[in-house]
Amino acid sequence: MKAPRVVIITGLSGSGKSTALRALEDISFYCVDNMPVVLLPKFLKIQSETSKNITEFAMVMDLREKSFIDKYTKIFARLKDRGYRIEILFLDAGDDALLHRFSETRRVHPMSVKGSVMGGINLEREKLSPLKQMADKVIDTSSCNVHQLKDTVQRHFLPVSAGQRLVIHVTSFGYRYGVPADADIVLDVRFLPNPYYIDELKPYDGHHPRVRDYVLGSDESRIFIQKLYELMAFLIPLYEKEGKSRLNIALGCTGGRHRSVVLANHLGSYLSDKNYVVTINHRDITKS
């Protein structure tokens, strides 16, 4: 029998733990929010005795439980010794993003010192630092919306069928909003001609045929695309040889609306023609 898989979702308040939990619930994990860590061994024992068909669990655990910090290390180690596959998913975010989220929701930070949200963030970050260091997966959600975070979590935890080709996720983004945290390869296309400075093209995004033709029509673009194809032809077989199941390629321009969108679409189409499973996401296309 396959060892039960237990994903511990933890991290900073406001970083998206509830969204991550719902994402795992949607792919058939048995999910519990705010599970006291001292009850975890007993809970798993009861589940193994009563529901043998459930083998994947996800639990949100954080500093809302006062004893969590003091006890999680020994409890996780004990469960691993019993054969459980314990995986820690740590969600992080920058201070500005967290402050903005608490301001929007008007929630009180659970670790706030005399009502100071920033003080609570600093204290929580300090206390959770050792846990972040031992995490199996860290996701920075600073520039993620709920849909992007859900997609990132599910892509990481969904199984890959034996013999399936590498799944390639191509993302366009704007550097002003930060580099995607889960990118394996980042390509900067800010050197290409920018439609933003052409009055008749500026209102459109990279899906528009005129924007696409403008970006792809330059000598720089044609040379870059040829070299990009050569790079993919060299790298992708090596990733497959190493057993990598998913490859995240991110292409960035200044705002994520024109050049990166054109190139992401172009690269995604090329890889699809090579019979790879490809998804394309334009993270910042609506922000500029």
C-alpha atoms as a PDB file:
ATOM      1  CA  MET A   1       0.000   0.000   0.000  1.00  0.00           C
ATOM      2  CA  LYS A   2       1.262   3.444  -0.921  1.00  0.00           C
ATOM      3  CA  ALA A   3       2.338   5.566   2.059  1.00  0.00           C
ATOM      4  CA  PRO A   4      -0.195   8.296   2.925  1.00  0.00           C
ATOM      5  CA  ARG A   5       0.771  11.734   1.655  1.00  0.00           C
ATOM      6  CA  VAL A   6       0.370  14.619   4.102  1.00  0.00           C
ATOM      7  CA  VAL A   7       0.832  18.180   2.844  1.00  0.00           C
ATOM      8  CA  ILE A   8       1.310  20.761   5.592  1.00  0.00           C
ATOM      9  CA  ILE A   9       0.299  24.205   4.311  1.00  0.00           C
ATOM     10  CA  THR A  10       1.869  26.945   6.374  1.00  0.00           C
ATOM     11  CA  GLY A  11       3.380  30.398   6.039  1.00  0.00           C
ATOM     12  CA  LEU A  12       2.607  34.027   6.696  1.00  0.00           C
ATOM     13  CA  SER A  13      -0.850  35.331   7.490  1.00  0.00           C
ATOM     14  CA  GLY A  14      -2.384  36.808   4.346  1.00  0.00           C
ATOM     15  CA  SER A  15      -0.156  34.796   1.995  1.00  0.00           C
ATOM     16  CA  GLY A  16      -2.975  32.655   0.575  1.00  0.00           C
ATOM     17  CA  LYS A  17      -3.067  29.490   2.687  1.00  0.00           C
ATOM     18  CA  SER A  18      -6.854  29.139   2.431  1.00  0.00           C
ATOM     19  CA  THR A  19      -6.631  29.412  -1.357  1.00  0.00           C
ATOM     20  CA  ALA A  20      -3.931  26.741  -1.433  1.00  0.00           C
ATOM     21  CA  LEU A  21      -6.065  24.464   0.730  1.00  0.00           C
ATOM     22  CA  ARG A  22      -9.068  24.852  -1.603  1.00  0.00           C
ATOM     23  CA  ALA A  23      -6.807  24.146  -4.575  1.00  0.00           C
ATOM     24  CA  LEU A  24      -5.784  20.808  -3.064  1.00  0.00           C
ATOM     25  CA  GLU A  25      -9.353  20.007  -2.072  1.00  0.00           C
ATOM     26  CA  ASP A  26     -10.347  20.458  -5.727  1.00  0.00           C
ATOM     27  CA  ILE A  27      -7.893  17.720  -6.744  1.00  0.00           C
ATOM     28  CA  SER A  28      -9.269  15.273  -4.140  1.00  0.00           C
ATOM     29  CA  PHE A  29      -7.045  15.861  -1.118  1.00  0.00           C
ATOM     30  CA  TYR A  30      -8.788  15.422   2.253  1.00  0.00           C
ATOM     31  CA  CYS A  31      -8.420  18.915   3.714  1.00  0.00           C
ATOM     32  CA  VAL A  32      -8.552  20.376   7.221  1.00  0.00           C
ATOM     33  CA  ASP A  33      -7.980  24.013   8.168  1.00  0.00           C
ATOM     34  CA  ASN A  34      -6.160  24.958  11.379  1.00  0.00           C
ATOM     35  CA  MET A  35      -5.448  21.392  12.488  1.00  0.00           C
ATOM     36  CA  PRO A  36      -3.652  21.416  15.887  1.00  0.00           C
ATOM     37  CA  VAL A  37      -0.320  19.727  15.274  1.00  0.00           C
ATOM     38  CA  VAL A  38      -0.616  17.636  18.452  1.00  0.00           C
ATOM     39  CA  LEU A  39      -3.784  16.035  17.060  1.00  0.00           C
ATOM     40  CA  LEU A  40      -2.288  15.169  13.692  1.00  0.00           C
ATOM     41  CA  PRO A  41      -0.921  11.688  14.598  1.00  0.00           C
ATOM     42  CA  LYS A  42      -4.218  10.628  16.154  1.00  0.00           C
ATOM     43  CA  PHE A  43      -6.218  12.034  13.236  1.00  0.00           C
ATOM     44  CA  LEU A  44      -4.119  10.128  10.694  1.00  0.00           C
ATOM     45  CA  LYS A  45      -4.362   6.930  12.731  1.00  0.00           C
ATOM     46  CA  ILE A  46      -8.168   7.166  12.858  1.00  0.00           C
ATOM     47  CA  GLN A  47      -8.322   7.889   9.126  1.00  0.00           C
ATOM     48  CA  SER A  48      -6.112   4.906   8.304  1.00  0.00           C
ATOM     49  CA  GLU A  49      -8.411   2.646  10.305  1.00  0.00           C
ATOM     50  CA  THR A  50     -11.729   3.964   8.996  1.00  0.00           C
ATOM     51  CA  SER A  51     -11.071   5.351   5.495  1.00  0.00           C
ATOM     52  CA  LYS A  52      -8.360   3.281   3.859  1.00  0.00           C
ATOM     53  CA  ASN A  53      -9.171   4.699   0.418  1.00  0.00           C
ATOM     54  CA  ILE A  54      -8.077   8.204   1.450  1.00  0.00           C
ATOM     55  CA  THR A  55      -4.307   8.514   1.018  1.00  0.00           C
ATOM     56  CA  GLU A  56      -3.751  12.256   0.413  1.00  0.00           C
ATOM     57  CA  PHE A  57      -4.278  14.844   3.117  1.00  0.00           C
ATOM     58  CA  ALA A  58      -3.691  18.596   3.335  1.00  0.00           C
ATOM     59  CA  MET A  59      -3.639  20.574   6.578  1.00  0.00           C
ATOM     60  CA  VAL A  60      -3.230  24.287   7.251  1.00  0.00           C
ATOM     61  CA  MET A  61      -1.060  24.769  10.326  1.00  0.00           C
ATOM     62  CA  ASP A  62       0.325  28.074  11.490  1.00  0.00           C
ATOM     63  CA  LEU A  63       0.874  30.361  14.457  1.00  0.00           C
ATOM     64  CA  ARG A  64      -2.835  30.569  15.241  1.00  0.00           C
ATOM     65  CA  GLU A  65      -2.096  27.434  17.280  1.00  0.00           C
ATOM     66  CA  LYS A  66       0.105  28.490  20.184  1.00  0.00           C
ATOM     67  CA  SER A  67       1.970  25.175  20.529  1.00  0.00           C
ATOM     68  CA  PHE A  68       2.701  24.738  16.812  1.00  0.00           C
ATOM     69  CA  ILE A  69       6.213  26.213  16.789  1.00  0.00           C
ATOM     70  CA  ASP A  70       7.361  24.215  19.793  1.00  0.00           C
ATOM     71  CA  LYS A  71       6.050  20.828  18.678  1.00  0.00           C
ATOM     72  CA  TYR A  72       5.938  20.517  14.877  1.00  0.00           C
ATOM     73  CA  THR A  73       9.558  19.306  14.450  1.00  0.00           C
ATOM     74  CA  LYS A  74       9.226  16.238  16.674  1.00  0.00           C
ATOM     75  CA  ILE A  75       5.728  15.361  15.466  1.00  0.00           C
ATOM     76  CA  PHE A  76       6.633  15.564  11.765  1.00  0.00           C
ATOM     77  CA  ALA A  77       9.768  13.468  12.365  1.00  0.00           C
ATOM     78  CA  ARG A  78       7.752  10.837  14.269  1.00  0.00           C
ATOM     79  CA  LEU A  79       5.205  10.608  11.442  1.00  0.00           C
ATOM     80  CA  LYS A  80       7.951  10.236   8.836  1.00  0.00           C
ATOM     81  CA  ASP A  81       9.398   7.371  10.900  1.00  0.00           C
ATOM     82  CA  ARG A  82       5.970   5.707  10.721  1.00  0.00           C
ATOM     83  CA  GLY A  83       6.013   5.879   6.933  1.00  0.00           C
ATOM     84  CA  TYR A  84       3.966   9.001   6.244  1.00  0.00           C
ATOM     85  CA  ARG A  85       5.118  11.241   3.396  1.00  0.00           C
ATOM     86  CA  ILE A  86       5.189  14.652   5.050  1.00  0.00           C
ATOM     87  CA  GLU A  87       5.554  17.603   2.637  1.00  0.00           C
ATOM     88  CA  ILE A  88       5.680  21.228   3.750  1.00  0.00           C
ATOM     89  CA  LEU A  89       4.236  23.904   1.465  1.00  0.00           C
ATOM     90  CA  PHE A  90       5.290  27.343   2.716  1.00  0.00           C
ATOM     91  CA  LEU A  91       3.520  30.437   1.392  1.00  0.00           C
ATOM     92  CA  ASP A  92       5.369  33.734   1.602  1.00  0.00           C
ATOM     93  CA  ALA A  93       4.776  37.278   0.339  1.00  0.00           C
ATOM     94  CA  GLY A  94       6.521  40.622   0.453  1.00  0.00           C
ATOM     95  CA  ASP A  95       5.739  43.158   3.167  1.00  0.00           C
ATOM     96  CA  ASP A  96       4.015  45.560   0.760  1.00  0.00           C
ATOM     97  CA  ALA A  97       1.717  42.832  -0.564  1.00  0.00           C
ATOM     98  CA  LEU A  98       0.783  41.672   2.944  1.00  0.00           C
ATOM     99  CA  LEU A  99       0.143  45.213   4.170  1.00  0.00           C
ATOM    100  CA  HIS A 100      -2.089  45.856   1.157  1.00  0.00           C
ATOM    101  CA  ARG A 101      -4.093  42.673   1.763  1.00  0.00           C
ATOM    102  CA  PHE A 102      -4.649  43.433   5.442  1.00  0.00           C
ATOM    103  CA  SER A 103      -5.648  46.979   4.526  1.00  0.00           C
ATOM    104  CA  GLU A 104      -8.157  45.702   1.957  1.00  0.00           C
ATOM    105  CA  THR A 105      -9.765  43.136   4.271  1.00  0.00           C
ATOM    106  CA  ARG A 106      -9.424  45.245   7.449  1.00  0.00           C
ATOM    107  CA  ARG A 107      -8.427  42.099   9.304  1.00  0.00           C
ATOM    108  CA  VAL A 108      -6.337  42.231  12.466  1.00  0.00           C
ATOM    109  CA  HIS A 109      -2.998  40.484  12.080  1.00  0.00           C
ATOM    110  CA  PRO A 110      -2.956  37.524  14.511  1.00  0.00           C
ATOM    111  CA  MET A 111       0.550  38.421  15.670  1.00  0.00           C
ATOM    112  CA  SER A 112       0.066  42.193  15.737  1.00  0.00           C
ATOM    113  CA  VAL A 113       1.952  44.055  18.415  1.00  0.00           C
ATOM    114  CA  LYS A 114      -0.207  46.835  19.884  1.00  0.00           C
ATOM    115  CA  GLY A 115      -2.284  46.851  16.709  1.00  0.00           C
ATOM    116  CA  SER A 116       0.684  47.223  14.349  1.00  0.00           C
ATOM    117  CA  VAL A 117       0.233  45.063  11.251  1.00  0.00           C
ATOM    118  CA  MET A 118       3.880  45.541  10.264  1.00  0.00           C
ATOM    119  CA  GLY A 119       4.988  44.502  13.725  1.00  0.00           C
ATOM    120  CA  GLY A 120       2.895  41.341  13.432  1.00  0.00           C
ATOM    121  CA  ILE A 121       4.358  40.533  10.013  1.00  0.00           C
ATOM    122  CA  ASN A 122       7.928  40.932  11.284  1.00  0.00           C
ATOM    123  CA  LEU A 123       7.306  38.780  14.346  1.00  0.00           C
ATOM    124  CA  GLU A 124       5.585  36.053  12.355  1.00  0.00           C
ATOM    125  CA  ARG A 125       8.318  36.039   9.713  1.00  0.00           C
ATOM    126  CA  GLU A 126      10.953  35.642  12.425  1.00  0.00           C
ATOM    127  CA  LYS A 127       9.153  32.774  14.170  1.00  0.00           C
ATOM    128  CA  LEU A 128       8.461  30.900  10.924  1.00  0.00           C
ATOM    129  CA  SER A 129      11.963  31.284   9.461  1.00  0.00           C
ATOM    130  CA  PRO A 130      13.197  27.798  10.541  1.00  0.00           C
ATOM    131  CA  LEU A 131      10.052  26.185   9.102  1.00  0.00           C
ATOM    132  CA  LYS A 132      10.555  27.981   5.788  1.00  0.00           C
ATOM    133  CA  GLN A 133      14.106  26.624   5.629  1.00  0.00           C
ATOM    134  CA  MET A 134      12.875  23.032   5.895  1.00  0.00           C
ATOM    135  CA  ALA A 135       9.947  23.462   3.474  1.00  0.00           C
ATOM    136  CA  ASP A 136       9.737  21.224   0.414  1.00  0.00           C
ATOM    137  CA  LYS A 137       8.113  23.971  -1.664  1.00  0.00           C
ATOM    138  CA  VAL A 138       8.077  27.752  -1.120  1.00  0.00           C
ATOM    139  CA  ILE A 139       5.712  29.941  -3.136  1.00  0.00           C
ATOM    140  CA  ASP A 140       5.981  33.726  -3.094  1.00  0.00           C
ATOM    141  CA  THR A 141       2.419  34.948  -3.657  1.00  0.00           C
ATOM    142  CA  SER A 142       3.252  38.669  -3.810  1.00  0.00           C
ATOM    143  CA  SER A 143       2.146  39.044  -7.429  1.00  0.00           C
ATOM    144  CA  CYS A 144      -0.340  36.144  -7.577  1.00  0.00           C
ATOM    145  CA  ASN A 145      -4.103  36.466  -7.720  1.00  0.00           C
ATOM    146  CA  VAL A 146      -6.207  33.617  -6.337  1.00  0.00           C
ATOM    147  CA  HIS A 147      -6.517  31.907  -9.727  1.00  0.00           C
ATOM    148  CA  GLN A 148      -2.768  31.981 -10.369  1.00  0.00           C
ATOM    149  CA  LEU A 149      -1.990  30.646  -6.892  1.00  0.00           C
ATOM    150  CA  LYS A 150      -4.508  27.838  -7.303  1.00  0.00           C
ATOM    151  CA  ASP A 151      -2.970  26.914 -10.655  1.00  0.00           C
ATOM    152  CA  THR A 152       0.567  26.954  -9.226  1.00  0.00           C
ATOM    153  CA  VAL A 153      -0.381  24.714  -6.297  1.00  0.00           C
ATOM    154  CA  GLN A 154      -2.269  22.215  -8.420  1.00  0.00           C
ATOM    155  CA  ARG A 155       0.508  22.039 -11.020  1.00  0.00           C
ATOM    156  CA  HIS A 156       2.973  21.156  -8.266  1.00  0.00           C
ATOM    157  CA  PHE A 157       0.889  18.456  -6.602  1.00  0.00           C
ATOM    158  CA  LEU A 158      -0.958  16.834  -9.509  1.00  0.00           C
ATOM    159  CA  PRO A 159       0.563  13.474 -10.467  1.00  0.00           C
ATOM    160  CA  VAL A 160       2.164  12.989 -13.859  1.00  0.00           C
ATOM    161  CA  SER A 161       1.250   9.832 -15.744  1.00  0.00           C
ATOM    162  CA  ALA A 162       4.036   7.418 -16.512  1.00  0.00           C
ATOM    163  CA  GLY A 163       5.445   7.966 -19.980  1.00  0.00           C
ATOM    164  CA  GLN A 164       3.810  11.385 -20.337  1.00  0.00           C
ATOM    165  CA  ARG A 165       5.905  14.032 -22.066  1.00  0.00           C
ATOM    166  CA  LEU A 166       7.134  17.071 -20.242  1.00  0.00           C
ATOM    167  CA  VAL A 167       4.334  19.538 -19.490  1.00  0.00           C
ATOM    168  CA  ILE A 168       5.440  23.077 -20.330  1.00  0.00           C
ATOM    169  CA  HIS A 169       3.840  26.167 -18.805  1.00  0.00           C
ATOM    170  CA  VAL A 170       4.609  29.414 -20.638  1.00  0.00           C
ATOM    171  CA  THR A 171       3.896  32.653 -18.774  1.00  0.00           C
ATOM    172  CA  SER A 172       4.120  36.270 -19.877  1.00  0.00           C
ATOM    173  CA  PHE A 173       4.723  38.845 -17.153  1.00  0.00           C
ATOM    174  CA  GLY A 174       5.691  42.460 -16.486  1.00  0.00           C
ATOM    175  CA  TYR A 175       8.933  43.166 -14.663  1.00  0.00           C
ATOM    176  CA  ARG A 176       7.287  46.039 -12.819  1.00  0.00           C
ATOM    177  CA  TYR A 177       5.123  43.429 -11.032  1.00  0.00           C
ATOM    178  CA  GLY A 178       7.946  41.028 -10.227  1.00  0.00           C
ATOM    179  CA  VAL A 179       9.331  37.813 -11.723  1.00  0.00           C
ATOM    180  CA  PRO A 180       7.070  34.715 -11.336  1.00  0.00           C
ATOM    181  CA  ALA A 181       8.261  32.825  -8.291  1.00  0.00           C
ATOM    182  CA  ASP A 182       7.915  29.376  -9.850  1.00  0.00           C
ATOM    183  CA  ALA A 183       9.761  30.108 -13.112  1.00  0.00           C
ATOM    184  CA  ASP A 184      12.475  27.628 -14.130  1.00  0.00           C
ATOM    185  CA  ILE A 185      13.596  29.729 -17.110  1.00  0.00           C
ATOM    186  CA  VAL A 186      13.207  33.528 -17.285  1.00  0.00           C
ATOM    187  CA  LEU A 187      13.675  35.348 -20.592  1.00  0.00           C
ATOM    188  CA  ASP A 188      13.833  39.146 -20.745  1.00  0.00           C
ATOM    189  CA  VAL A 189      12.320  40.474 -24.004  1.00  0.00           C
ATOM    190  CA  ARG A 190      12.507  44.162 -23.139  1.00  0.00           C
ATOM    191  CA  PHE A 191      15.097  44.667 -25.901  1.00  0.00           C
ATOM    192  CA  LEU A 192      12.432  44.106 -28.603  1.00  0.00           C
ATOM    193  CA  PRO A 193      10.544  47.013 -30.269  1.00  0.00           C
ATOM    194  CA  ASN A 194       7.894  48.279 -27.869  1.00  0.00           C
ATOM    195  CA  PRO A 195       4.343  48.853 -29.215  1.00  0.00           C
ATOM    196  CA  TYR A 196       3.601  50.945 -26.130  1.00  0.00           C
ATOM    197  CA  TYR A 197       5.306  53.900 -27.809  1.00  0.00           C
ATOM    198  CA  ILE A 198       3.293  53.581 -31.042  1.00  0.00           C
ATOM    199  CA  ASP A 199       0.077  55.582 -30.604  1.00  0.00           C
ATOM    200  CA  GLU A 200      -2.068  53.380 -32.826  1.00  0.00           C
ATOM    201  CA  LEU A 201      -0.820  50.173 -31.157  1.00  0.00           C
ATOM    202  CA  LYS A 202      -0.643  51.228 -27.500  1.00  0.00           C
ATOM    203  CA  PRO A 203      -4.355  50.553 -26.723  1.00  0.00           C
ATOM    204  CA  TYR A 204      -4.124  46.926 -27.846  1.00  0.00           C
ATOM    205  CA  ASP A 205      -2.490  43.981 -26.121  1.00  0.00           C
ATOM    206  CA  GLY A 206      -0.231  41.270 -27.512  1.00  0.00           C
ATOM    207  CA  HIS A 207      -3.133  39.208 -28.842  1.00  0.00           C
ATOM    208  CA  HIS A 208      -3.928  41.826 -31.477  1.00  0.00           C
ATOM    209  CA  PRO A 209      -2.602  40.921 -34.965  1.00  0.00           C
ATOM    210  CA  ARG A 210      -1.113  44.392 -35.535  1.00  0.00           C
ATOM    211  CA  VAL A 211       0.799  44.270 -32.247  1.00  0.00           C
ATOM    212  CA  ARG A 212       1.969  40.739 -32.991  1.00  0.00           C
ATOM    213  CA  ASP A 213       3.176  41.681 -36.482  1.00  0.00           C
ATOM    214  CA  TYR A 214       4.972  44.758 -35.141  1.00  0.00           C
ATOM    215  CA  VAL A 215       6.826  42.817 -32.443  1.00  0.00           C
ATOM    216  CA  LEU A 216       7.718  39.840 -34.634  1.00  0.00           C
ATOM    217  CA  GLY A 217       8.591  41.905 -37.697  1.00  0.00           C
ATOM    218  CA  SER A 218      11.913  43.308 -36.541  1.00  0.00           C
ATOM    219  CA  ASP A 219      15.308  41.781 -37.347  1.00  0.00           C
ATOM    220  CA  GLU A 220      16.001  41.494 -33.607  1.00  0.00           C
ATOM    221  CA  SER A 221      12.841  39.451 -33.116  1.00  0.00           C
ATOM    222  CA  ARG A 222      13.564  37.070 -35.977  1.00  0.00           C
ATOM    223  CA  ILE A 223      17.097  36.406 -34.736  1.00  0.00           C
ATOM    224  CA  PHE A 224      15.930  36.022 -31.125  1.00  0.00           C
ATOM    225  CA  ILE A 225      13.164  33.573 -32.050  1.00  0.00           C
ATOM    226  CA  GLN A 226      15.557  31.401 -34.019  1.00  0.00           C
ATOM    227  CA  LYS A 227      18.002  31.308 -31.127  1.00  0.00           C
ATOM    228  CA  LEU A 228      15.116  30.655 -28.709  1.00  0.00           C
ATOM    229  CA  TYR A 229      14.068  27.616 -30.746  1.00  0.00           C
ATOM    230  CA  GLU A 230      17.652  26.363 -30.662  1.00  0.00           C
ATOM    231  CA  LEU A 231      17.805  26.881 -26.888  1.00  0.00           C
ATOM    232  CA  MET A 232      14.557  24.942 -26.373  1.00  0.00           C
ATOM    233  CA  ALA A 233      15.778  22.135 -28.631  1.00  0.00           C
ATOM    234  CA  PHE A 234      18.908  21.880 -26.477  1.00  0.00           C
ATOM    235  CA  LEU A 235      17.386  22.288 -22.999  1.00  0.00           C
ATOM    236  CA  ILE A 236      14.077  20.443 -23.084  1.00  0.00           C
ATOM    237  CA  PRO A 237      15.516  16.972 -23.837  1.00  0.00           C
ATOM    238  CA  LEU A 238      17.976  17.473 -20.970  1.00  0.00           C
ATOM    239  CA  TYR A 239      15.143  18.344 -18.568  1.00  0.00           C
ATOM    240  CA  GLU A 240      13.259  15.260 -19.745  1.00  0.00           C
ATOM    241  CA  LYS A 241      16.361  13.115 -19.293  1.00  0.00           C
ATOM    242  CA  GLU A 242      16.614  14.309 -15.681  1.00  0.00           C
ATOM    243  CA  GLY A 243      13.008  13.220 -15.107  1.00  0.00           C
ATOM    244  CA  LYS A 244      11.507  16.697 -14.764  1.00  0.00           C
ATOM    245  CA  SER A 245       7.743  16.503 -15.314  1.00  0.00           C
ATOM    246  CA  ARG A 246       6.916  20.217 -15.598  1.00  0.00           C
ATOM    247  CA  LEU A 247       8.866  23.144 -16.970  1.00  0.00           C
ATOM    248  CA  ASN A 248       7.860  26.756 -16.293  1.00  0.00           C
ATOM    249  CA  ILE A 249       9.114  29.281 -18.846  1.00  0.00           C
ATOM    250  CA  ALA A 250       8.492  32.973 -18.140  1.00  0.00           C
ATOM    251  CA  LEU A 251       8.941  35.767 -20.686  1.00  0.00           C
ATOM    252  CA  GLY A 252       8.951  39.308 -19.348  1.00  0.00           C
ATOM    253  CA  CYS A 253       8.631  42.801 -20.753  1.00  0.00           C
ATOM    254  CA  THR A 254       8.101  46.042 -18.854  1.00  0.00           C
ATOM    255  CA  GLY A 255       4.355  45.885 -18.243  1.00  0.00           C
ATOM    256  CA  GLY A 256       3.462  42.358 -19.358  1.00  0.00           C
ATOM    257  CA  ARG A 257       0.921  43.537 -21.920  1.00  0.00           C
ATOM    258  CA  HIS A 258       2.586  43.645 -25.359  1.00  0.00           C
ATOM    259  CA  ARG A 259       5.968  42.067 -26.151  1.00  0.00           C
ATOM    260  CA  SER A 260       5.954  39.264 -23.593  1.00  0.00           C
ATOM    261  CA  VAL A 261       2.403  38.280 -24.581  1.00  0.00           C
ATOM    262  CA  VAL A 262       3.366  38.046 -28.250  1.00  0.00           C
ATOM    263  CA  LEU A 263       6.463  35.965 -27.514  1.00  0.00           C
ATOM    264  CA  ALA A 264       4.678  33.687 -25.020  1.00  0.00           C
ATOM    265  CA  ASN A 265       1.958  32.941 -27.570  1.00  0.00           C
ATOM    266  CA  HIS A 266       4.550  32.361 -30.290  1.00  0.00           C
ATOM    267  CA  LEU A 267       6.684  30.039 -28.144  1.00  0.00           C
ATOM    268  CA  GLY A 268       3.635  28.175 -26.840  1.00  0.00           C
ATOM    269  CA  SER A 269       2.401  27.537 -30.377  1.00  0.00           C
ATOM    270  CA  TYR A 270       5.838  26.322 -31.457  1.00  0.00           C
ATOM    271  CA  LEU A 271       6.105  23.885 -28.537  1.00  0.00           C
ATOM    272  CA  SER A 272       2.552  22.618 -29.113  1.00  0.00           C
ATOM    273  CA  ASP A 273       3.513  21.844 -32.706  1.00  0.00           C
ATOM    274  CA  LYS A 274       6.349  19.748 -31.252  1.00  0.00           C
ATOM    275  CA  ASN A 275       3.668  17.677 -29.445  1.00  0.00           C
ATOM    276  CA  TYR A 276       4.388  18.941 -25.956  1.00  0.00           C
ATOM    277  CA  VAL A 277       1.527  19.559 -23.549  1.00  0.00           C
ATOM    278  CA  VAL A 278       1.576  23.350 -23.244  1.00  0.00           C
ATOM    279  CA  THR A 279      -0.362  25.878 -21.178  1.00  0.00           C
ATOM    280  CA  ILE A 280      -0.076  29.635 -21.711  1.00  0.00           C
ATOM    281  CA  ASN A 281      -0.821  32.194 -19.022  1.00  0.00           C
ATOM    282  CA  HIS A 282      -0.622  35.988 -19.367  1.00  0.00           C
ATOM    283  CA  ARG A 283      -0.182  37.040 -15.763  1.00  0.00           C
ATOM    284  CA  ASP A 284      -0.150  40.816 -16.076  1.00  0.00           C
ATOM    285  CA  ILE A 285      -1.955  41.501 -19.335  1.00  0.00           C
ATOM    286  CA  THR A 286      -4.799  43.390 -17.636  1.00  0.00           C
ATOM    287  CA  LYS A 287      -2.629  45.427 -15.261  1.00  0.00           C
ATOM    288  CA  SER A 288      -1.045  47.975 -17.600  1.00  0.00           C
END
